[in-house]
Amino acid sequence: MTDWNPTQYLRFGNERLRPAIELIDRINIDSPETIYDLGCGTGSITAILQEKWPNADVTGVDASPNMLDKASQDYPELTWQQADLNTWAPGTNPDIIYSNAAFQWTPNHELLLPRLLGNIKDGGIFAIQLPNNWSEPSHASICEISREPQWNDRLEPHIMENPVAEPLYYYDLLSPFSKSIDMWETTYMQVLTGDYPVLEWTKGTVLPPLLAQLSQEEQKDFIDKYKSKLASSYVKQNNGNTIFPFTRMFIIAYK
C-alpha cells in the first residue's frame, strides 16, 4: 500500500481533529488502565487520549512508517507500534480500543470489528469513527474518473467505492457482543480556503494509492479531470471560501 504523507494529511489538521475529539468526549468510563488508538496516524489523538487518562497505558498503532516517524518525533514519551490492523491483536486486553477514521481502509468489517470488540475487557469500550462521505462528489468523482478506459485496468483494484456500510448494519454487527451502543452521524460543513481545497483534502487520503499507479503525465490528466468536476460540485462562496460537507459515523459499543 502507498505510504501516507503526514504533511499533506495535516493540511486540514483542525478539521480532521474535531470529530476525533468529539468521539473522545462521548466515551464514558472511569480510570481505564489500557488504551489502544488504532490507525493513530501522526499521534495527535493518541496524545489527547493520554492527556484525558494520564494514568492509563496508551499505545498508538498504525501501519504507516511515515506517520509513526512523525508521531514518535512529536510525542517521544508515548508508545508506538507498527502493525496491520487486519491482523493486529492487543498484547493485553484493553479497557478502550479507539479508532478515528481508520477502518474504512480495512476490509471484512463483519469479521474484524467483532474480533476487536471481543478483545476488550468486560466493562470496556470500543469507540470508532468512520467517514461516510463516499457518495458525495468529492469521492464519487474519483471512482468515475478511475473507470475511464485508459487506466481502469490499473486503477480498478485501488478504487474505494464505498467501504463503509449503513449505520444499522454496524448496530446489528456489534450489538450481540455489547451491553449497549451509542451511535450518531454528523455532517460537518467544513469551511476550506484555497483554489481547489477539496482536491488538497483528498490528496491526503484517497487519491495517493490511485495516482501511484499512473505516470506523471497521466497523473496530471487525472487531476485536471478531477478539478473540472470539483469546480462544478463545490462552487466558491461569495467570500472565496469553499464549503465541503463531510458526514461521519460514530459508534461507541459498551461491552
Protein backbone atom coordinates (compact mmCIF):
# COMPACT_ATOMS: atom_id res chain seq x y z
CA MET A 1 0.00 0.00 0.00
CA THR A 2 1.14 3.56 -0.74
CA ASP A 3 2.51 5.16 2.41
CA TRP A 4 0.95 8.27 3.88
CA ASN A 5 2.27 11.83 3.61
CA PRO A 6 1.92 13.39 7.08
CA THR A 7 2.43 16.94 5.80
CA GLN A 8 -0.38 16.64 3.24
CA TYR A 9 -2.66 14.93 5.75
CA LEU A 10 -2.12 17.67 8.35
CA ARG A 11 -3.01 20.48 5.94
CA PHE A 12 -6.51 20.07 7.36
CA GLY A 13 -5.46 19.06 10.84
CA ASN A 14 -8.14 21.04 12.66
CA GLU A 15 -10.94 19.64 10.51
CA ARG A 16 -9.67 16.09 10.99
CA LEU A 17 -9.15 16.62 14.72
CA ARG A 18 -12.63 17.85 15.57
CA PRO A 19 -14.56 14.57 15.10
CA ALA A 20 -11.82 12.69 16.93
CA ILE A 21 -12.21 14.91 19.98
CA GLU A 22 -15.99 14.70 19.85
CA LEU A 23 -15.73 10.91 19.91
CA ILE A 24 -13.38 11.03 22.91
CA ASP A 25 -15.72 13.38 24.75
CA ARG A 26 -18.57 10.89 24.49
CA ILE A 27 -16.61 7.99 26.00
CA ASN A 28 -17.96 7.31 29.48
CA ILE A 29 -15.52 5.24 31.55
CA ASP A 30 -13.69 5.65 34.84
CA SER A 31 -9.94 5.08 35.20
CA PRO A 32 -9.10 2.88 32.19
CA GLU A 33 -5.79 1.07 32.54
CA THR A 34 -5.00 0.20 28.91
CA ILE A 35 -5.96 2.09 25.74
CA TYR A 36 -5.11 1.40 22.10
CA ASP A 37 -5.51 4.02 19.38
CA LEU A 38 -5.81 2.11 16.10
CA GLY A 39 -4.81 4.00 12.98
CA CYS A 40 -3.16 6.63 15.14
CA GLY A 41 -1.55 8.48 12.23
CA THR A 42 0.63 11.35 13.39
CA GLY A 43 -0.23 10.70 17.03
CA SER A 44 -2.08 13.88 17.94
CA ILE A 45 -5.18 11.94 19.01
CA THR A 46 -3.11 9.42 20.96
CA ALA A 47 -1.64 12.32 22.90
CA ILE A 48 -5.14 13.63 23.68
CA LEU A 49 -6.18 10.19 24.93
CA GLN A 50 -3.13 10.14 27.21
CA GLU A 51 -3.93 13.65 28.45
CA LYS A 52 -7.52 12.71 29.27
CA TRP A 53 -6.49 9.50 31.07
CA PRO A 54 -2.96 10.25 32.35
CA ASN A 55 -2.71 7.07 34.42
CA ALA A 56 -3.53 4.75 31.52
CA ASP A 57 -1.05 2.91 29.30
CA VAL A 58 -1.84 4.36 25.86
CA THR A 59 -0.41 2.87 22.66
CA GLY A 60 -0.79 4.25 19.15
CA VAL A 61 -0.92 1.65 16.37
CA ASP A 62 -0.53 2.37 12.66
CA ALA A 63 0.64 0.62 9.50
CA SER A 64 2.42 3.67 8.07
CA PRO A 65 6.13 4.12 8.88
CA ASN A 66 5.93 7.76 7.78
CA MET A 67 3.07 8.51 10.14
CA LEU A 68 4.75 6.72 13.04
CA ASP A 69 8.02 8.57 12.42
CA LYS A 70 6.12 11.85 12.74
CA ALA A 71 4.30 10.58 15.85
CA SER A 72 7.49 9.46 17.59
CA GLN A 73 9.20 12.78 16.78
CA ASP A 74 6.33 14.88 18.12
CA TYR A 75 5.43 12.65 21.09
CA PRO A 76 8.54 10.66 22.08
CA GLU A 77 7.11 9.97 25.52
CA LEU A 78 4.27 7.84 24.10
CA THR A 79 4.31 4.23 22.89
CA TRP A 80 4.00 3.46 19.18
CA GLN A 81 3.51 0.19 17.35
CA GLN A 82 3.60 -0.56 13.63
CA ALA A 83 1.03 -3.16 12.63
CA ASP A 84 -1.57 -4.06 10.03
CA LEU A 85 -4.98 -3.51 11.63
CA ASN A 86 -6.36 -6.50 9.74
CA THR A 87 -4.19 -8.86 11.79
CA TRP A 88 -3.32 -6.80 14.87
CA ALA A 89 -4.17 -8.12 18.33
CA PRO A 90 -3.53 -6.38 21.66
CA GLY A 91 -0.74 -7.55 23.92
CA THR A 92 -3.12 -7.29 26.85
CA ASN A 93 -6.89 -6.97 26.92
CA PRO A 94 -7.60 -3.23 26.92
CA ASP A 95 -10.27 -1.11 28.54
CA ILE A 96 -10.63 1.01 25.40
CA ILE A 97 -9.99 0.39 21.73
CA TYR A 98 -10.36 3.71 19.97
CA SER A 99 -10.15 4.40 16.25
CA ASN A 100 -10.74 7.63 14.38
CA ALA A 101 -11.13 7.34 10.60
CA ALA A 102 -9.11 4.18 10.06
CA PHE A 103 -11.42 1.24 9.44
CA GLN A 104 -12.51 2.50 6.02
CA TRP A 105 -9.08 1.26 4.92
CA THR A 106 -9.66 -2.27 6.23
CA PRO A 107 -11.90 -4.88 4.58
CA ASN A 108 -14.03 -7.56 6.20
CA HIS A 109 -15.70 -5.43 8.86
CA GLU A 110 -18.02 -8.35 9.58
CA LEU A 111 -15.02 -10.28 10.97
CA LEU A 112 -12.62 -7.57 12.09
CA LEU A 113 -14.85 -5.38 14.25
CA PRO A 114 -16.43 -8.17 16.36
CA ARG A 115 -12.95 -9.68 16.83
CA LEU A 116 -11.57 -6.40 18.14
CA LEU A 117 -14.56 -5.88 20.40
CA GLY A 118 -14.04 -9.40 21.73
CA ASN A 119 -10.53 -8.47 22.87
CA ILE A 120 -11.80 -5.71 25.16
CA LYS A 121 -12.28 -6.28 28.88
CA ASP A 122 -15.81 -6.65 30.21
CA GLY A 123 -16.97 -3.15 31.04
CA GLY A 124 -14.68 -1.71 28.39
CA ILE A 125 -15.42 0.37 25.31
CA PHE A 126 -14.99 0.10 21.55
CA ALA A 127 -15.16 3.64 20.12
CA ILE A 128 -14.81 4.26 16.38
CA GLN A 129 -15.47 6.96 13.79
CA LEU A 130 -16.00 6.13 10.13
CA PRO A 131 -16.07 8.67 7.28
CA ASN A 132 -19.36 8.21 5.45
CA ASN A 133 -18.95 10.60 2.53
CA TRP A 134 -18.39 8.10 -0.25
CA SER A 135 -21.42 9.02 -2.37
CA GLU A 136 -20.54 12.73 -2.42
CA PRO A 137 -18.85 14.32 -5.48
CA SER A 138 -15.50 14.54 -3.70
CA HIS A 139 -15.28 10.76 -3.68
CA ALA A 140 -17.73 9.60 -6.36
CA SER A 141 -15.90 11.67 -9.00
CA ILE A 142 -12.67 9.85 -8.22
CA CYS A 143 -14.34 6.49 -8.83
CA GLU A 144 -15.88 7.76 -12.07
CA ILE A 145 -12.58 9.07 -13.46
CA SER A 146 -10.74 5.93 -12.34
CA ARG A 147 -13.02 3.82 -14.52
CA GLU A 148 -12.11 5.61 -17.72
CA PRO A 149 -10.66 3.03 -20.16
CA GLN A 150 -7.16 4.49 -20.47
CA TRP A 151 -6.23 3.43 -16.93
CA ASN A 152 -9.10 1.42 -15.49
CA ASP A 153 -7.18 -1.88 -15.59
CA ARG A 154 -4.53 -0.40 -13.28
CA LEU A 155 -6.81 1.63 -11.02
CA GLU A 156 -9.73 -0.76 -10.51
CA PRO A 157 -8.00 -2.75 -7.71
CA HIS A 158 -7.40 0.51 -5.82
CA ILE A 159 -10.84 2.12 -6.14
CA MET A 160 -12.67 2.67 -2.85
CA GLU A 161 -16.30 2.56 -3.99
CA ASN A 162 -17.95 2.51 -0.60
CA PRO A 163 -16.02 0.74 2.16
CA VAL A 164 -18.44 1.84 4.89
CA ALA A 165 -21.88 0.26 5.37
CA GLU A 166 -25.03 1.88 6.71
CA PRO A 167 -25.31 2.56 10.46
CA LEU A 168 -27.92 -0.15 11.04
CA TYR A 169 -25.50 -2.74 9.68
CA TYR A 170 -22.96 -1.88 12.37
CA TYR A 171 -25.61 -1.92 15.07
CA ASP A 172 -26.64 -5.47 14.14
CA LEU A 173 -22.98 -6.47 13.80
CA LEU A 174 -21.85 -5.26 17.23
CA SER A 175 -24.96 -5.44 19.41
CA PRO A 176 -24.68 -9.22 20.09
CA PHE A 177 -21.34 -8.52 21.80
CA SER A 178 -22.30 -5.28 23.58
CA LYS A 179 -24.33 -4.25 26.60
CA SER A 180 -25.31 -1.02 24.85
CA ILE A 181 -24.39 1.02 21.79
CA ASP A 182 -24.33 4.78 21.28
CA MET A 183 -24.44 5.76 17.60
CA TRP A 184 -24.80 9.01 15.71
CA GLU A 185 -23.91 10.75 12.47
CA THR A 186 -22.72 14.32 12.00
CA THR A 187 -22.35 16.27 8.77
CA TYR A 188 -19.62 18.87 9.18
CA MET A 189 -19.95 21.95 6.97
CA GLN A 190 -16.22 22.43 6.63
CA VAL A 191 -15.06 25.88 5.51
CA LEU A 192 -11.94 25.45 3.37
CA THR A 193 -9.71 28.01 1.68
CA GLY A 194 -7.62 27.93 -1.48
CA ASP A 195 -8.21 27.28 -5.17
CA TYR A 196 -9.02 23.55 -5.02
CA PRO A 197 -9.23 22.68 -1.32
CA VAL A 198 -11.26 19.50 -1.83
CA LEU A 199 -8.50 18.24 -4.12
CA GLU A 200 -5.95 19.03 -1.43
CA TRP A 201 -8.12 17.17 1.09
CA THR A 202 -8.32 14.00 -0.98
CA LYS A 203 -4.60 14.20 -1.78
CA GLY A 204 -4.13 13.39 1.90
CA THR A 205 -6.39 10.34 1.86
CA VAL A 206 -7.97 8.52 -1.09
CA LEU A 207 -6.01 9.87 -4.08
CA PRO A 208 -2.41 8.70 -3.43
CA PRO A 209 -3.00 4.95 -3.95
CA LEU A 210 -4.56 5.72 -7.34
CA LEU A 211 -2.06 8.31 -8.51
CA ALA A 212 0.80 5.96 -7.61
CA GLN A 213 -0.33 3.65 -10.44
CA LEU A 214 -0.04 6.38 -13.10
CA SER A 215 2.76 8.11 -14.96
CA GLN A 216 3.37 11.79 -14.24
CA GLU A 217 1.57 12.77 -17.44
CA GLU A 218 -1.38 10.55 -16.55
CA GLN A 219 -1.47 11.96 -13.03
CA LYS A 220 -1.78 15.47 -14.46
CA ASP A 221 -4.57 14.34 -16.78
CA PHE A 222 -6.40 12.62 -13.91
CA ILE A 223 -6.12 15.66 -11.64
CA ASP A 224 -7.26 18.04 -14.39
CA LYS A 225 -10.38 15.93 -14.92
CA TYR A 226 -10.99 15.83 -11.18
CA LYS A 227 -10.54 19.61 -10.85
CA SER A 228 -13.17 20.14 -13.53
CA LYS A 229 -15.70 18.03 -11.64
CA LEU A 230 -14.87 19.66 -8.32
CA ALA A 231 -15.29 23.16 -9.77
CA SER A 232 -18.91 22.42 -10.67
CA SER A 233 -19.71 20.48 -7.48
CA TYR A 234 -18.10 22.81 -4.92
CA VAL A 235 -18.71 26.38 -6.07
CA LYS A 236 -16.89 29.03 -4.08
CA GLN A 237 -18.93 31.18 -1.71
CA ASN A 238 -19.13 34.96 -2.08
CA ASN A 239 -16.04 35.43 0.10
CA GLY A 240 -13.98 32.91 -1.89
CA ASN A 241 -14.17 30.05 0.61
CA THR A 242 -15.41 26.55 -0.23
CA ILE A 243 -17.98 24.68 1.87
CA PHE A 244 -17.14 20.98 1.96
CA PRO A 245 -19.91 18.95 3.66
CA PHE A 246 -18.49 15.80 5.23
CA THR A 247 -20.55 13.14 7.02
CA ARG A 248 -19.03 10.95 9.71
CA MET A 249 -20.47 7.99 11.62
CA PHE A 250 -19.70 7.48 15.31
CA ILE A 251 -20.12 4.22 17.23
CA ILE A 252 -19.43 3.57 20.91
CA ALA A 253 -20.03 -0.03 21.96
CA TYR A 254 -20.04 -0.73 25.71
CA LYS A 255 -19.03 -4.31 26.41
